[in-house]
Amino acid sequence: MSSKKLFEDPRGEAYRLGDRFQQGDISRRCFLRRAAALSLSAPAVSAILAGTSPAVALAQGKVNTDVTGGIRVISNTGAGAESVAWNERIDAFQALYPNVKVARDEKVGETFYKTADTVLLQIAGGNAPDTMRVGNFSAAQLGARGALMPLDELIASDPDVNWDDFYSGAQNAFKVDGKIFALPENGESYGINYNRSAFKNAGLPDPREQWDSGEWTYEAFLEAAKTLTKGKGINKKFGFLHEVWNSENWIFFNGGKVLDEDLKTVLIDQPAAYEGLQFAADLTNIHSVAPNPLQYTAERGPIAQFQDGTGSMYMLGGWYIANFKNDIKNFEYMTAGAPIGPGGKTSKLEISGYAISSDTPNPEASWEFIKFIASPAGQKIWSVVGTPTRRSSLKDFIDTSPYALWFEPFVEVLENVQHTPFFKKSAEINRILSDGQASIFLGQQSAKKATAAMADDMRAVLRS
């Protein structure tokens, strides 16, 4: 199945050329002429002509026959474009490591956290996987329990890794108690998707232009949301759409934190944190410019409401940009960064990567596998569905992707992304934050009062 069937391949002209040839859109002669103009290598051209996926054919490197054995990989990779890219990466790895057999079909759950639970159960049953996809605080959950192999020595001794090529947010996300437990795969920041046509029709300044000039402030954002909100009842058009599960962003936008880096000091009850959450809740309960994010339905979620014009702005991570760009036909679609508050141009980071089980019987093959996943070649293949975590890969992505214009503000903040520190008790801290927000967004409690209760619960967890 070609990723082209889902949306235009963002991995560069060479990938798109190979894909077009294999789909029968251009002739062999045309392919060869254009391949020569792009200086494609003879092995890559021959492989594409023979029907090898362009992703595999273009992921060139020295073939290594010394590493042998089998490895079992657990992931939560989704369907569609993710499934295509997942298999292309494994095919590319196996072309370079022909004596390593990757068991690729064990996909568990919809989230990293369900994957972590499965890994812990398998370890307890004496059936630990070799490598696994981890994300956000699931690496901390597993690493702090001794389930993952620390990678610091391997990173330091292997020049192919080029650790300094990863931006700092990606490096720090998988570090727990000073040890690195995963190689970063992709990292997603948040921004504003918006209906540029609605802004033009309302005579409003353009958010992208305001973002670029540093004028996309809380005040500018709120004024736009008010102007774009029209009507009543089921016909109401909202200026903004967002979701509670990513509301930690508003704490970071406002210069606040949930916990200090020392993992002892709770900061959720400080003004910078609770005032950020209050601003977000007031969008619904005071200003009426956004629907209550707790009341979306499966049929009428924020994605559908943004695409059909019910909402003019929608805050989401960059992972949906390609879909919006290809699916939206009824208005001009554009992106800007999130509103600029006291925290500056920043965002919450959603991060994924690959780790090695501390019980793997094949650490050598496992290391080579996760190293390829996080390599420039592996990240280029995955850039169909994920933003690279390497600085060099990000530059290549912006230079070659047909979605580069829309990704620019999302990439711009990656050196300043934030997350609540990941550690053994991250899951409990996150649950307290998630559960405690309901009363704020329903207008039942002030953020100051609700976060005071959250802070008490968090301190109790940290003392236990």
Protein backbone atom coordinates (compact mmCIF):
# COMPACT_ATOMS: atom_id res chain seq x y z
CA MET A 1 0.00 0.00 0.00
CA SER A 2 1.46 3.36 -0.95
CA SER A 3 1.44 6.29 1.47
CA LYS A 4 0.57 8.41 -1.55
CA LYS A 5 -2.93 6.98 -1.37
CA LEU A 6 -3.38 8.73 1.98
CA PHE A 7 -1.67 12.06 1.36
CA GLU A 8 1.20 13.53 -0.57
CA ASP A 9 4.50 12.07 0.59
CA PRO A 10 6.42 14.75 2.52
CA ARG A 11 9.79 13.00 2.37
CA GLY A 12 11.13 14.75 -0.69
CA GLU A 13 11.13 14.68 -4.45
CA ALA A 14 13.04 11.40 -4.75
CA TYR A 15 10.45 9.55 -2.66
CA ARG A 16 7.57 11.06 -4.59
CA LEU A 17 9.25 10.24 -7.92
CA GLY A 18 9.70 6.58 -6.98
CA ASP A 19 6.16 6.36 -5.69
CA ARG A 20 4.71 7.90 -8.86
CA PHE A 21 6.63 5.43 -11.02
CA GLN A 22 5.48 2.43 -9.01
CA GLN A 23 1.89 3.67 -9.13
CA GLY A 24 2.10 3.89 -12.94
CA ASP A 25 1.73 7.68 -13.04
CA ILE A 26 4.93 8.15 -15.08
CA SER A 27 6.81 5.99 -17.57
CA ARG A 28 10.08 4.16 -17.00
CA ARG A 29 11.81 6.57 -19.35
CA CYS A 30 10.47 9.59 -17.49
CA PHE A 31 11.47 8.05 -14.17
CA LEU A 32 15.03 7.40 -15.34
CA ARG A 33 15.40 10.91 -16.74
CA ARG A 34 14.20 12.54 -13.53
CA ALA A 35 16.19 10.13 -11.35
CA ALA A 36 19.34 11.20 -13.20
CA ALA A 37 18.48 14.86 -12.66
CA LEU A 38 18.08 14.17 -8.92
CA SER A 39 21.40 12.23 -8.85
CA LEU A 40 19.79 9.11 -7.44
CA SER A 41 22.30 6.32 -6.94
CA ALA A 42 22.34 3.38 -9.33
CA PRO A 43 21.43 0.87 -6.55
CA ALA A 44 18.46 3.00 -5.50
CA VAL A 45 17.21 3.33 -9.07
CA SER A 46 17.58 -0.40 -9.68
CA ALA A 47 15.73 -1.21 -6.47
CA ILE A 48 12.82 1.10 -7.34
CA LEU A 49 12.63 -0.37 -10.84
CA ALA A 50 12.48 -3.83 -9.27
CA GLY A 51 9.50 -2.80 -7.15
CA THR A 52 11.25 -2.07 -3.86
CA SER A 53 9.54 0.62 -1.82
CA PRO A 54 11.18 4.03 -2.41
CA ALA A 55 11.52 4.36 1.37
CA VAL A 56 13.58 1.18 1.45
CA ALA A 57 15.51 1.87 -1.74
CA LEU A 58 16.55 5.35 -0.63
CA ALA A 59 17.53 4.40 2.93
CA GLN A 60 21.09 3.67 1.88
CA GLY A 61 23.88 2.44 4.12
CA LYS A 62 26.50 -0.24 4.53
CA VAL A 63 25.05 -3.75 4.73
CA ASN A 64 25.94 -5.46 8.02
CA THR A 65 25.87 -9.25 8.01
CA ASP A 66 27.68 -9.67 11.34
CA VAL A 67 24.66 -8.85 13.51
CA THR A 68 22.35 -11.85 13.70
CA GLY A 69 19.33 -13.29 15.49
CA GLY A 70 15.73 -12.35 15.99
CA ILE A 71 14.11 -9.52 17.88
CA ARG A 72 10.54 -8.98 18.98
CA VAL A 73 9.19 -5.43 18.91
CA ILE A 74 6.11 -4.10 20.69
CA SER A 75 4.50 -0.91 19.42
CA ASN A 76 1.23 0.97 19.41
CA THR A 77 1.59 1.97 15.77
CA GLY A 78 -1.73 2.87 14.19
CA ALA A 79 -3.31 1.98 10.88
CA GLY A 80 -3.12 3.81 7.56
CA ALA A 81 -0.04 5.94 6.97
CA GLU A 82 1.55 4.85 10.27
CA SER A 83 1.26 1.19 9.36
CA VAL A 84 2.79 1.83 5.93
CA ALA A 85 5.72 3.79 7.34
CA TRP A 86 6.21 1.27 10.17
CA ASN A 87 6.63 -1.59 7.70
CA GLU A 88 8.82 0.48 5.36
CA ARG A 89 11.22 1.23 8.21
CA ILE A 90 11.51 -2.44 9.12
CA ASP A 91 12.02 -3.36 5.47
CA ALA A 92 14.77 -0.74 5.21
CA PHE A 93 16.42 -2.00 8.40
CA GLN A 94 16.32 -5.61 7.21
CA ALA A 95 17.85 -4.61 3.87
CA LEU A 96 20.83 -3.30 5.84
CA TYR A 97 20.80 -6.13 8.43
CA PRO A 98 19.73 -9.17 6.41
CA ASN A 99 20.65 -11.64 9.19
CA VAL A 100 18.34 -10.04 11.76
CA LYS A 101 14.74 -11.17 11.76
CA VAL A 102 12.28 -8.61 13.15
CA ALA A 103 8.92 -9.86 14.46
CA ARG A 104 6.90 -6.84 13.49
CA ASP A 105 3.26 -7.61 14.09
CA GLU A 106 2.86 -7.22 17.86
CA LYS A 107 0.91 -3.98 18.18
CA VAL A 108 -0.62 -3.40 21.60
CA GLY A 109 -3.25 -0.90 22.67
CA GLU A 110 -3.92 2.61 21.45
CA THR A 111 -1.62 4.49 23.82
CA PHE A 112 1.93 4.26 25.12
CA TYR A 113 0.57 3.63 28.59
CA LYS A 114 -1.33 0.51 27.57
CA THR A 115 1.85 -0.64 25.84
CA ALA A 116 3.76 -0.14 29.08
CA ASP A 117 1.23 -2.22 31.00
CA THR A 118 1.56 -5.04 28.46
CA VAL A 119 5.36 -4.94 28.64
CA LEU A 120 5.30 -5.19 32.44
CA LEU A 121 2.93 -8.17 32.26
CA GLN A 122 5.13 -9.90 29.69
CA ILE A 123 8.24 -9.31 31.78
CA ALA A 124 6.47 -10.74 34.83
CA GLY A 125 5.59 -13.78 32.75
CA GLY A 126 9.16 -14.29 31.58
CA ASN A 127 8.38 -13.23 28.01
CA ALA A 128 10.00 -9.80 27.75
CA PRO A 129 10.10 -8.18 24.29
CA ASP A 130 13.47 -7.08 22.91
CA THR A 131 12.50 -3.52 22.01
CA MET A 132 9.41 -1.41 22.43
CA ARG A 133 7.94 1.91 21.41
CA VAL A 134 7.63 4.27 24.37
CA GLY A 135 6.25 7.76 24.69
CA ASN A 136 5.83 10.58 27.14
CA PHE A 137 6.13 9.18 30.67
CA SER A 138 5.84 5.49 29.71
CA ALA A 139 9.64 5.33 29.32
CA ALA A 140 9.94 6.66 32.88
CA GLN A 141 7.40 4.13 34.16
CA LEU A 142 9.39 1.27 32.66
CA GLY A 143 12.88 2.64 33.22
CA ALA A 144 12.31 3.41 36.89
CA ARG A 145 11.14 -0.18 37.41
CA GLY A 146 14.29 -1.67 35.88
CA ALA A 147 12.48 -2.88 32.76
CA LEU A 148 14.63 -0.91 30.29
CA MET A 149 18.31 -0.96 29.46
CA PRO A 150 20.10 2.36 30.14
CA LEU A 151 21.57 3.56 26.85
CA ASP A 152 24.13 6.13 28.01
CA GLU A 153 27.23 3.98 27.41
CA LEU A 154 26.00 2.80 24.02
CA ILE A 155 25.24 6.39 22.95
CA ALA A 156 28.64 7.62 24.12
CA SER A 157 30.57 4.81 22.44
CA ASP A 158 28.73 4.71 19.10
CA PRO A 159 29.63 7.63 16.81
CA ASP A 160 26.79 6.74 14.43
CA VAL A 161 24.24 7.94 16.99
CA ASN A 162 25.36 11.62 16.92
CA TRP A 163 23.43 12.41 20.11
CA ASP A 164 24.03 16.15 19.82
CA ASP A 165 21.95 16.15 16.63
CA PHE A 166 18.78 15.65 18.70
CA TYR A 167 17.22 18.85 20.02
CA SER A 168 17.41 19.27 23.79
CA GLY A 169 13.73 18.63 24.51
CA ALA A 170 13.96 15.23 22.81
CA GLN A 171 17.18 14.36 24.65
CA ASN A 172 15.77 15.21 28.06
CA ALA A 173 12.37 13.56 27.58
CA PHE A 174 13.76 10.04 27.92
CA LYS A 175 16.18 10.79 30.76
CA VAL A 176 15.17 9.49 34.20
CA ASP A 177 17.39 9.83 37.27
CA GLY A 178 20.17 10.96 34.96
CA LYS A 179 19.97 7.92 32.67
CA ILE A 180 18.73 7.78 29.06
CA PHE A 181 16.24 4.98 28.37
CA ALA A 182 15.18 5.51 24.73
CA LEU A 183 16.27 7.02 21.43
CA PRO A 184 13.81 9.70 20.25
CA GLU A 185 11.69 8.84 17.22
CA ASN A 186 9.43 11.85 16.70
CA GLY A 187 8.39 14.83 18.79
CA GLU A 188 5.23 16.84 18.34
CA SER A 189 4.56 20.38 19.51
CA TYR A 190 1.20 22.14 19.57
CA GLY A 191 -0.07 25.10 17.58
CA ILE A 192 -3.16 26.72 16.19
CA ASN A 193 -4.87 25.40 13.06
CA TYR A 194 -7.11 28.12 11.68
CA ASN A 195 -9.61 29.02 9.01
CA ARG A 196 -7.76 31.77 7.17
CA SER A 197 -10.83 32.51 5.06
CA ALA A 198 -12.85 33.30 8.20
CA PHE A 199 -10.18 35.70 9.40
CA LYS A 200 -10.09 37.46 6.04
CA ASN A 201 -13.88 37.72 5.88
CA ALA A 202 -13.98 39.20 9.38
CA GLY A 203 -11.27 41.74 8.59
CA LEU A 204 -9.00 40.32 11.32
CA PRO A 205 -5.20 40.36 11.31
CA ASP A 206 -3.68 37.09 10.10
CA PRO A 207 -2.49 34.86 13.00
CA ARG A 208 0.57 33.56 11.13
CA GLU A 209 1.73 37.08 10.41
CA GLN A 210 1.09 38.03 14.04
CA TRP A 211 2.96 34.94 15.25
CA ASP A 212 5.95 35.74 13.07
CA SER A 213 6.07 39.30 14.40
CA GLY A 214 5.50 38.27 18.03
CA GLU A 215 2.05 39.92 18.15
CA TRP A 216 -0.04 36.74 18.46
CA THR A 217 -0.61 37.39 22.16
CA TYR A 218 -3.33 36.21 24.55
CA GLU A 219 -5.13 39.48 23.86
CA ALA A 220 -4.93 39.12 20.06
CA PHE A 221 -6.03 35.49 20.25
CA LEU A 222 -9.00 36.26 22.50
CA GLU A 223 -10.12 39.22 20.41
CA ALA A 224 -10.08 37.03 17.29
CA ALA A 225 -12.00 34.25 19.05
CA LYS A 226 -14.68 36.73 20.17
CA THR A 227 -15.04 38.24 16.71
CA LEU A 228 -15.33 34.82 15.05
CA THR A 229 -17.96 33.49 17.48
CA LYS A 230 -21.44 33.93 16.02
CA GLY A 231 -24.98 32.59 16.42
CA LYS A 232 -26.69 30.54 19.09
CA GLY A 233 -27.71 26.99 19.91
CA ILE A 234 -26.95 24.22 17.45
CA ASN A 235 -26.07 26.76 14.76
CA LYS A 236 -23.44 28.54 16.84
CA LYS A 237 -20.03 29.09 15.25
CA PHE A 238 -17.18 29.09 17.74
CA GLY A 239 -13.97 31.07 17.53
CA PHE A 240 -11.92 28.30 19.13
CA LEU A 241 -11.84 24.55 19.80
CA HIS A 242 -9.57 22.70 22.23
CA GLU A 243 -9.41 19.61 24.39
CA VAL A 244 -8.87 19.06 28.10
CA TRP A 245 -6.25 16.36 27.61
CA ASN A 246 -3.81 18.91 26.15
CA SER A 247 -4.67 21.73 28.57
CA GLU A 248 -1.28 21.39 30.26
CA ASN A 249 -0.24 23.62 27.37
CA TRP A 250 -2.00 26.57 29.00
CA ILE A 251 0.15 26.17 32.10
CA PHE A 252 3.30 26.31 29.97
CA PHE A 253 2.02 29.18 27.82
CA ASN A 254 1.49 31.15 31.02
CA GLY A 255 5.00 30.49 32.34
CA GLY A 256 3.85 27.94 34.89
CA LYS A 257 4.76 24.35 35.75
CA VAL A 258 3.12 21.35 37.38
CA LEU A 259 6.26 20.21 39.22
CA ASP A 260 9.70 21.67 39.62
CA GLU A 261 12.65 19.83 38.10
CA ASP A 262 13.64 18.64 41.58
CA LEU A 263 10.56 16.32 41.56
CA LYS A 264 9.80 17.47 45.10
CA THR A 265 8.28 20.92 44.70
CA VAL A 266 4.66 21.10 43.50
CA LEU A 267 3.94 24.23 41.45
CA ILE A 268 0.44 23.53 40.11
CA ASP A 269 -1.06 25.78 42.82
CA GLN A 270 1.10 28.78 41.92
CA PRO A 271 -0.48 31.74 40.02
CA ALA A 272 1.38 31.10 36.77
CA ALA A 273 -0.11 27.59 36.61
CA TYR A 274 -3.67 28.12 37.79
CA GLU A 275 -4.12 31.41 35.94
CA GLY A 276 -3.18 29.62 32.70
CA LEU A 277 -5.86 26.97 33.31
CA GLN A 278 -8.36 29.64 34.30
CA PHE A 279 -7.77 31.51 31.04
CA ALA A 280 -8.48 28.30 29.11
CA ALA A 281 -11.65 27.53 31.09
CA ASP A 282 -12.88 31.12 30.74
CA LEU A 283 -12.92 30.69 26.97
CA THR A 284 -16.00 28.54 27.55
CA ASN A 285 -17.49 29.71 30.81
CA ILE A 286 -16.94 33.48 30.62
CA HIS A 287 -16.31 34.44 27.00
CA SER A 288 -18.42 31.69 25.35
CA VAL A 289 -15.99 31.50 22.41
CA ALA A 290 -15.38 27.73 22.72
CA PRO A 291 -17.58 24.70 23.37
CA ASN A 292 -16.93 22.88 26.60
CA PRO A 293 -14.11 20.46 25.70
CA LEU A 294 -15.55 17.86 28.09
CA GLN A 295 -18.73 17.65 26.04
CA TYR A 296 -17.48 16.67 22.60
CA THR A 297 -18.99 13.51 21.14
CA ALA A 298 -17.37 10.86 18.99
CA GLU A 299 -19.49 12.00 16.05
CA ARG A 300 -18.95 15.71 16.64
CA GLY A 301 -15.43 16.02 17.95
CA PRO A 302 -13.16 19.03 17.44
CA ILE A 303 -11.57 17.69 14.25
CA ALA A 304 -14.95 17.38 12.54
CA GLN A 305 -16.08 20.76 13.86
CA PHE A 306 -12.94 22.48 12.60
CA GLN A 307 -13.14 20.86 9.19
CA ASP A 308 -16.79 21.79 8.64
CA GLY A 309 -16.27 25.39 9.79
CA THR A 310 -18.08 25.14 13.14
CA GLY A 311 -14.87 26.30 14.84
CA SER A 312 -12.44 28.77 13.27
CA MET A 313 -9.37 27.85 15.35
CA TYR A 314 -8.29 24.52 16.81
CA MET A 315 -5.27 23.77 19.02
CA LEU A 316 -3.70 20.43 18.23
CA GLY A 317 -0.32 18.81 17.70
CA GLY A 318 1.36 18.81 14.32
CA TRP A 319 0.48 15.18 13.64
CA TYR A 320 -2.78 16.15 11.89
CA ILE A 321 -1.45 18.87 9.57
CA ALA A 322 -1.19 16.67 6.47
CA ASN A 323 -4.75 15.43 6.95
CA PHE A 324 -6.12 18.96 7.32
CA LYS A 325 -4.16 20.18 4.30
CA ASN A 326 -5.51 17.38 2.12
CA ASP A 327 -9.05 17.06 3.50
CA ILE A 328 -10.15 20.68 3.89
CA LYS A 329 -11.66 22.01 0.66
CA ASN A 330 -14.22 24.54 1.87
CA PHE A 331 -11.82 27.19 3.22
CA GLU A 332 -8.18 28.24 3.18
CA TYR A 333 -6.32 26.33 5.89
CA MET A 334 -3.29 27.75 7.72
CA THR A 335 -1.39 27.34 10.99
CA ALA A 336 0.18 29.61 13.59
CA GLY A 337 1.91 28.99 16.87
CA ALA A 338 -0.03 28.91 20.11
CA PRO A 339 -0.94 32.23 21.76
CA ILE A 340 2.15 33.89 23.20
CA GLY A 341 1.82 34.36 26.95
CA PRO A 342 4.35 34.97 29.74
CA GLY A 343 6.03 31.66 28.84
CA GLY A 344 6.94 32.98 25.39
CA LYS A 345 6.82 30.91 22.22
CA THR A 346 6.50 27.45 23.70
CA SER A 347 4.44 24.27 23.72
CA LYS A 348 3.87 20.97 25.43
CA LEU A 349 5.95 18.17 23.88
CA GLU A 350 4.47 14.84 22.83
CA ILE A 351 7.42 12.47 22.36
CA SER A 352 7.91 8.90 21.19
CA GLY A 353 10.97 6.70 20.86
CA TYR A 354 12.28 3.15 21.04
CA ALA A 355 13.80 1.43 24.05
CA ILE A 356 15.48 -1.91 24.77
CA SER A 357 14.25 -4.38 27.35
CA SER A 358 16.74 -5.03 30.15
CA ASP A 359 15.92 -8.74 29.68
CA THR A 360 16.52 -8.93 25.92
CA PRO A 361 18.53 -11.98 24.85
CA ASN A 362 19.78 -10.06 21.81
CA PRO A 363 21.00 -6.61 22.93
CA GLU A 364 23.27 -6.16 19.90
CA ALA A 365 20.50 -6.53 17.30
CA SER A 366 18.10 -4.55 19.48
CA TRP A 367 20.57 -1.65 19.64
CA GLU A 368 21.12 -1.64 15.89
CA PHE A 369 17.35 -1.68 15.37
CA ILE A 370 16.48 1.26 17.61
CA LYS A 371 19.53 3.13 16.33
CA PHE A 372 18.20 2.79 12.77
CA ILE A 373 14.70 3.86 13.83
CA ALA A 374 16.19 7.08 15.24
CA SER A 375 18.71 7.59 12.43
CA PRO A 376 18.27 10.24 9.73
CA ALA A 377 17.14 7.49 7.32
CA GLY A 378 14.63 6.09 9.81
CA GLN A 379 13.30 9.54 10.67
CA LYS A 380 12.94 10.44 7.00
CA ILE A 381 10.76 7.38 6.42
CA TRP A 382 8.69 8.19 9.51
CA SER A 383 8.31 11.88 8.59
CA VAL A 384 5.18 10.88 6.68
CA VAL A 385 3.44 10.79 10.07
CA GLY A 386 5.86 12.27 12.61
CA THR A 387 8.02 15.36 13.07
CA PRO A 388 11.73 14.41 13.30
CA THR A 389 13.66 14.86 16.54
CA ARG A 390 17.03 15.46 14.89
CA ARG A 391 18.05 18.99 13.99
CA SER A 392 19.49 17.82 10.66
CA SER A 393 16.34 15.83 9.87
CA LEU A 394 14.16 18.79 10.77
CA LYS A 395 16.05 20.96 8.30
CA ASP A 396 15.64 18.34 5.60
CA PHE A 397 11.96 18.01 6.49
CA ILE A 398 11.31 21.75 6.14
CA ASP A 399 13.34 21.86 2.91
CA THR A 400 11.50 18.99 1.22
CA SER A 401 8.03 18.54 2.72
CA PRO A 402 5.00 19.83 0.79
CA TYR A 403 3.58 20.64 4.25
CA ALA A 404 6.58 22.70 5.35
CA LEU A 405 4.70 26.01 5.32
CA TRP A 406 2.13 24.64 7.78
CA PHE A 407 4.73 22.99 10.00
CA GLU A 408 7.00 26.02 10.38
CA PRO A 409 5.56 27.41 13.65
CA PHE A 410 5.40 23.90 15.13
CA VAL A 411 9.08 23.35 14.34
CA GLU A 412 10.04 26.83 15.54
CA VAL A 413 9.10 26.05 19.16
CA LEU A 414 10.81 22.65 19.36
CA GLU A 415 13.91 24.08 21.03
CA ASN A 416 11.65 25.50 23.75
CA VAL A 417 9.13 22.68 24.23
CA GLN A 418 8.23 21.63 27.75
CA HIS A 419 6.81 18.70 29.67
CA THR A 420 6.19 17.89 33.30
CA PRO A 421 9.27 15.88 34.34
CA PHE A 422 8.94 12.20 33.56
CA PHE A 423 9.69 9.93 36.51
CA LYS A 424 8.39 6.85 38.32
CA LYS A 425 5.29 8.60 39.69
CA SER A 426 4.41 10.47 36.47
CA ALA A 427 1.28 8.39 35.93
CA GLU A 428 -0.11 9.29 39.35
CA ILE A 429 0.71 12.99 38.93
CA ASN A 430 -0.88 13.01 35.50
CA ARG A 431 -4.03 11.31 36.80
CA ILE A 432 -4.43 13.94 39.53
CA LEU A 433 -4.05 16.72 36.98
CA SER A 434 -6.45 15.11 34.50
CA ASP A 435 -9.14 14.27 37.06
CA GLY A 436 -8.89 17.61 38.81
CA GLN A 437 -9.50 19.69 35.70
CA ALA A 438 -13.13 18.66 35.18
CA SER A 439 -14.51 21.04 37.78
CA ILE A 440 -12.56 23.95 36.26
CA PHE A 441 -13.80 23.43 32.71
CA LEU A 442 -17.35 22.80 33.89
CA GLY A 443 -17.27 26.11 35.73
CA GLN A 444 -17.87 24.44 39.09
CA GLN A 445 -14.64 25.60 40.74
CA SER A 446 -12.04 28.27 40.18
CA ALA A 447 -8.70 27.03 38.92
CA LYS A 448 -7.10 28.43 42.07
CA LYS A 449 -9.29 26.31 44.32
CA ALA A 450 -9.11 23.18 42.16
CA THR A 451 -5.33 23.30 41.80
CA ALA A 452 -4.94 23.75 45.57
CA ALA A 453 -6.66 20.39 45.99
CA MET A 454 -4.55 18.90 43.20
CA ALA A 455 -1.39 20.17 44.88
CA ASP A 456 -2.32 18.48 48.18
CA ASP A 457 -2.87 15.17 46.37
CA MET A 458 0.39 15.51 44.44
CA ARG A 459 2.39 16.21 47.59
CA ALA A 460 0.88 13.14 49.21
CA VAL A 461 1.96 11.02 46.21
CA LEU A 462 5.48 12.44 46.31
CA ARG A 463 5.77 11.68 50.03
CA SER A 464 4.64 8.09 49.62
